[in-house]
Amino acid sequence: MLQINVMVTYQGKNYLTNVITNRNTSDEEIFRLAYEQVQKQYERKDT
């Protein structure tokens, strides 16, 4: 398992998030996971 720091732009703001994943996970999958994490966190703040 690896911890990877990913910078995600969401709604005009930059967020740094961590993704814990396997070594063989593609870059696209890592970015998708990071984006979903930021999206879920942002939606929680709106409620």
PDB file of N, CA and C in Angstrom:
ATOM      1  N   MET A   1       0.840  -1.189   0.000  1.00  0.00           N
ATOM      2  CA  MET A   1       0.000   0.000   0.000  1.00  0.00           C
ATOM      3  C   MET A   1       0.883   1.250   0.000  1.00  0.00           C
ATOM      4  N   LEU A   2       0.413   2.251  -0.711  1.00  0.00           N
ATOM      5  CA  LEU A   2       1.110   3.529  -0.809  1.00  0.00           C
ATOM      6  C   LEU A   2       0.182   4.665  -0.413  1.00  0.00           C
ATOM      7  N   GLN A   3       0.740   5.688   0.196  1.00  0.00           N
ATOM      8  CA  GLN A   3      -0.010   6.920   0.434  1.00  0.00           C
ATOM      9  C   GLN A   3       0.497   7.944  -0.561  1.00  0.00           C
ATOM     10  N   ILE A   4      -0.420   8.470  -1.372  1.00  0.00           N
ATOM     11  CA  ILE A   4      -0.054   9.417  -2.423  1.00  0.00           C
ATOM     12  C   ILE A   4      -0.777  10.733  -2.184  1.00  0.00           C
ATOM     13  N   ASN A   5      -0.051  11.837  -2.232  1.00  0.00           N
ATOM     14  CA  ASN A   5      -0.639  13.166  -2.116  1.00  0.00           C
ATOM     15  C   ASN A   5      -1.047  13.636  -3.498  1.00  0.00           C
ATOM     16  N   VAL A   6      -2.289  14.107  -3.625  1.00  0.00           N
ATOM     17  CA  VAL A   6      -2.808  14.535  -4.918  1.00  0.00           C
ATOM     18  C   VAL A   6      -3.418  15.925  -4.781  1.00  0.00           C
ATOM     19  N   MET A   7      -3.063  16.829  -5.705  1.00  0.00           N
ATOM     20  CA  MET A   7      -3.665  18.158  -5.754  1.00  0.00           C
ATOM     21  C   MET A   7      -4.850  18.092  -6.712  1.00  0.00           C
ATOM     22  N   VAL A   8      -6.031  18.465  -6.216  1.00  0.00           N
ATOM     23  CA  VAL A   8      -7.256  18.412  -7.002  1.00  0.00           C
ATOM     24  C   VAL A   8      -7.851  19.811  -7.077  1.00  0.00           C
ATOM     25  N   THR A   9      -8.263  20.231  -8.263  1.00  0.00           N
ATOM     26  CA  THR A   9      -8.990  21.479  -8.429  1.00  0.00           C
ATOM     27  C   THR A   9     -10.471  21.147  -8.466  1.00  0.00           C
ATOM     28  N   TYR A  10     -11.217  21.736  -7.516  1.00  0.00           N
ATOM     29  CA  TYR A  10     -12.655  21.480  -7.410  1.00  0.00           C
ATOM     30  C   TYR A  10     -13.360  22.805  -7.190  1.00  0.00           C
ATOM     31  N   GLN A  11     -14.256  23.134  -8.075  1.00  0.00           N
ATOM     32  CA  GLN A  11     -15.022  24.375  -8.029  1.00  0.00           C
ATOM     33  C   GLN A  11     -14.122  25.599  -7.870  1.00  0.00           C
ATOM     34  N   GLY A  12     -13.041  25.623  -8.646  1.00  0.00           N
ATOM     35  CA  GLY A  12     -12.151  26.775  -8.685  1.00  0.00           C
ATOM     36  C   GLY A  12     -11.153  26.871  -7.547  1.00  0.00           C
ATOM     37  N   LYS A  13     -11.133  25.895  -6.655  1.00  0.00           N
ATOM     38  CA  LYS A  13     -10.191  25.905  -5.534  1.00  0.00           C
ATOM     39  C   LYS A  13      -9.311  24.663  -5.607  1.00  0.00           C
ATOM     40  N   ASN A  14      -8.087  24.786  -5.098  1.00  0.00           N
ATOM     41  CA  ASN A  14      -7.160  23.660  -5.064  1.00  0.00           C
ATOM     42  C   ASN A  14      -7.198  22.994  -3.693  1.00  0.00           C
ATOM     43  N   TYR A  15      -7.239  21.682  -3.702  1.00  0.00           N
ATOM     44  CA  TYR A  15      -7.256  20.892  -2.476  1.00  0.00           C
ATOM     45  C   TYR A  15      -6.161  19.846  -2.554  1.00  0.00           C
ATOM     46  N   LEU A  16      -5.465  19.634  -1.454  1.00  0.00           N
ATOM     47  CA  LEU A  16      -4.471  18.580  -1.352  1.00  0.00           C
ATOM     48  C   LEU A  16      -5.089  17.457  -0.537  1.00  0.00           C
ATOM     49  N   THR A  17      -5.127  16.257  -1.099  1.00  0.00           N
ATOM     50  CA  THR A  17      -5.723  15.126  -0.413  1.00  0.00           C
ATOM     51  C   THR A  17      -4.812  13.918  -0.523  1.00  0.00           C
ATOM     52  N   ASN A  18      -4.969  12.964   0.361  1.00  0.00           N
ATOM     53  CA  ASN A  18      -4.184  11.735   0.366  1.00  0.00           C
ATOM     54  C   ASN A  18      -5.028  10.596  -0.169  1.00  0.00           C
ATOM     55  N   VAL A  19      -4.402   9.726  -0.957  1.00  0.00           N
ATOM     56  CA  VAL A  19      -5.050   8.517  -1.434  1.00  0.00           C
ATOM     57  C   VAL A  19      -4.168   7.350  -1.008  1.00  0.00           C
ATOM     58  N   ILE A  20      -4.777   6.369  -0.353  1.00  0.00           N
ATOM     59  CA  ILE A  20      -4.056   5.155   0.016  1.00  0.00           C
ATOM     60  C   ILE A  20      -4.481   4.078  -0.966  1.00  0.00           C
ATOM     61  N   THR A  21      -3.511   3.512  -1.678  1.00  0.00           N
ATOM     62  CA  THR A  21      -3.826   2.609  -2.774  1.00  0.00           C
ATOM     63  C   THR A  21      -2.735   1.567  -2.957  1.00  0.00           C
ATOM     64  N   ASN A  22      -3.008   0.614  -3.816  1.00  0.00           N
ATOM     65  CA  ASN A  22      -2.021  -0.413  -4.167  1.00  0.00           C
ATOM     66  C   ASN A  22      -1.016   0.147  -5.167  1.00  0.00           C
ATOM     67  N   ARG A  23       0.134  -0.486  -5.249  1.00  0.00           N
ATOM     68  CA  ARG A  23       1.196  -0.043  -6.155  1.00  0.00           C
ATOM     69  C   ARG A  23       0.781  -0.103  -7.622  1.00  0.00           C
ATOM     70  N   ASN A  24      -0.094  -1.014  -7.983  1.00  0.00           N
ATOM     71  CA  ASN A  24      -0.435  -1.207  -9.390  1.00  0.00           C
ATOM     72  C   ASN A  24      -1.645  -0.396  -9.846  1.00  0.00           C
ATOM     73  N   THR A  25      -2.130   0.532  -9.032  1.00  0.00           N
ATOM     74  CA  THR A  25      -3.266   1.371  -9.408  1.00  0.00           C
ATOM     75  C   THR A  25      -2.816   2.434 -10.417  1.00  0.00           C
ATOM     76  N   SER A  26      -3.605   2.618 -11.467  1.00  0.00           N
ATOM     77  CA  SER A  26      -3.246   3.579 -12.513  1.00  0.00           C
ATOM     78  C   SER A  26      -3.365   5.015 -12.005  1.00  0.00           C
ATOM     79  N   ASP A  27      -2.665   5.930 -12.674  1.00  0.00           N
ATOM     80  CA  ASP A  27      -2.727   7.347 -12.325  1.00  0.00           C
ATOM     81  C   ASP A  27      -4.146   7.883 -12.449  1.00  0.00           C
ATOM     82  N   GLU A  28      -4.860   7.441 -13.474  1.00  0.00           N
ATOM     83  CA  GLU A  28      -6.242   7.895 -13.689  1.00  0.00           C
ATOM     84  C   GLU A  28      -7.140   7.483 -12.525  1.00  0.00           C
ATOM     85  N   GLU A  29      -6.967   6.257 -12.045  1.00  0.00           N
ATOM     86  CA  GLU A  29      -7.770   5.758 -10.919  1.00  0.00           C
ATOM     87  C   GLU A  29      -7.436   6.522  -9.638  1.00  0.00           C
ATOM     88  N   ILE A  30      -6.166   6.812  -9.417  1.00  0.00           N
ATOM     89  CA  ILE A  30      -5.744   7.569  -8.234  1.00  0.00           C
ATOM     90  C   ILE A  30      -6.364   8.961  -8.267  1.00  0.00           C
ATOM     91  N   PHE A  31      -6.314   9.619  -9.421  1.00  0.00           N
ATOM     92  CA  PHE A  31      -6.897  10.953  -9.532  1.00  0.00           C
ATOM     93  C   PHE A  31      -8.413  10.899  -9.315  1.00  0.00           C
ATOM     94  N   ARG A  32      -9.085   9.871  -9.862  1.00  0.00           N
ATOM     95  CA  ARG A  32     -10.528   9.729  -9.690  1.00  0.00           C
ATOM     96  C   ARG A  32     -10.879   9.564  -8.206  1.00  0.00           C
ATOM     97  N   LEU A  33     -10.122   8.743  -7.497  1.00  0.00           N
ATOM     98  CA  LEU A  33     -10.354   8.546  -6.064  1.00  0.00           C
ATOM     99  C   LEU A  33     -10.149   9.846  -5.287  1.00  0.00           C
ATOM    100  N   ALA A  34      -9.093  10.582  -5.622  1.00  0.00           N
ATOM    101  CA  ALA A  34      -8.820  11.858  -4.950  1.00  0.00           C
ATOM    102  C   ALA A  34      -9.942  12.855  -5.210  1.00  0.00           C
ATOM    103  N   TYR A  35     -10.393  12.941  -6.454  1.00  0.00           N
ATOM    104  CA  TYR A  35     -11.466  13.873  -6.808  1.00  0.00           C
ATOM    105  C   TYR A  35     -12.746  13.525  -6.055  1.00  0.00           C
ATOM    106  N   GLU A  36     -13.070  12.239  -5.976  1.00  0.00           N
ATOM    107  CA  GLU A  36     -14.275  11.816  -5.253  1.00  0.00           C
ATOM    108  C   GLU A  36     -14.175  12.151  -3.770  1.00  0.00           C
ATOM    109  N   GLN A  37     -12.993  11.992  -3.176  1.00  0.00           N
ATOM    110  CA  GLN A  37     -12.815  12.335  -1.762  1.00  0.00           C
ATOM    111  C   GLN A  37     -13.072  13.817  -1.529  1.00  0.00           C
ATOM    112  N   VAL A  38     -12.505  14.667  -2.374  1.00  0.00           N
ATOM    113  CA  VAL A  38     -12.687  16.112  -2.234  1.00  0.00           C
ATOM    114  C   VAL A  38     -14.159  16.463  -2.448  1.00  0.00           C
ATOM    115  N   GLN A  39     -14.771  15.865  -3.442  1.00  0.00           N
ATOM    116  CA  GLN A  39     -16.176  16.132  -3.745  1.00  0.00           C
ATOM    117  C   GLN A  39     -17.068  15.761  -2.560  1.00  0.00           C
ATOM    118  N   LYS A  40     -16.831  14.610  -1.953  1.00  0.00           N
ATOM    119  CA  LYS A  40     -17.626  14.179  -0.801  1.00  0.00           C
ATOM    120  C   LYS A  40     -17.410  15.119   0.383  1.00  0.00           C
ATOM    121  N   GLN A  41     -16.194  15.528   0.623  1.00  0.00           N
ATOM    122  CA  GLN A  41     -15.881  16.425   1.735  1.00  0.00           C
ATOM    123  C   GLN A  41     -16.563  17.778   1.521  1.00  0.00           C
ATOM    124  N   TYR A  42     -16.512  18.287   0.306  1.00  0.00           N
ATOM    125  CA  TYR A  42     -17.108  19.575   0.004  1.00  0.00           C
ATOM    126  C   TYR A  42     -18.629  19.524   0.164  1.00  0.00           C
ATOM    127  N   GLU A  43     -19.237  18.430  -0.275  1.00  0.00           N
ATOM    128  CA  GLU A  43     -20.690  18.279  -0.146  1.00  0.00           C
ATOM    129  C   GLU A  43     -21.109  18.223   1.310  1.00  0.00           C
ATOM    130  N   ARG A  44     -20.304  17.635   2.175  1.00  0.00           N
ATOM    131  CA  ARG A  44     -20.604  17.577   3.611  1.00  0.00           C
ATOM    132  C   ARG A  44     -20.611  18.972   4.227  1.00  0.00           C
ATOM    133  N   LYS A  45     -19.731  19.837   3.755  1.00  0.00           N
ATOM    134  CA  LYS A  45     -19.646  21.192   4.292  1.00  0.00           C
ATOM    135  C   LYS A  45     -20.865  22.019   3.903  1.00  0.00           C
ATOM    136  N   ASP A  46     -21.484  21.700   2.773  1.00  0.00           N
ATOM    137  CA  ASP A  46     -22.655  22.443   2.306  1.00  0.00           C
ATOM    138  C   ASP A  46     -23.902  22.139   3.123  1.00  0.00           C
ATOM    139  N   THR A  47     -23.952  20.977   3.739  1.00  0.00           N
ATOM    140  CA  THR A  47     -25.173  20.592   4.471  1.00  0.00           C
ATOM    141  C   THR A  47     -25.155  21.040   5.895  1.00  0.00           C
TER     142      THR A  47
END
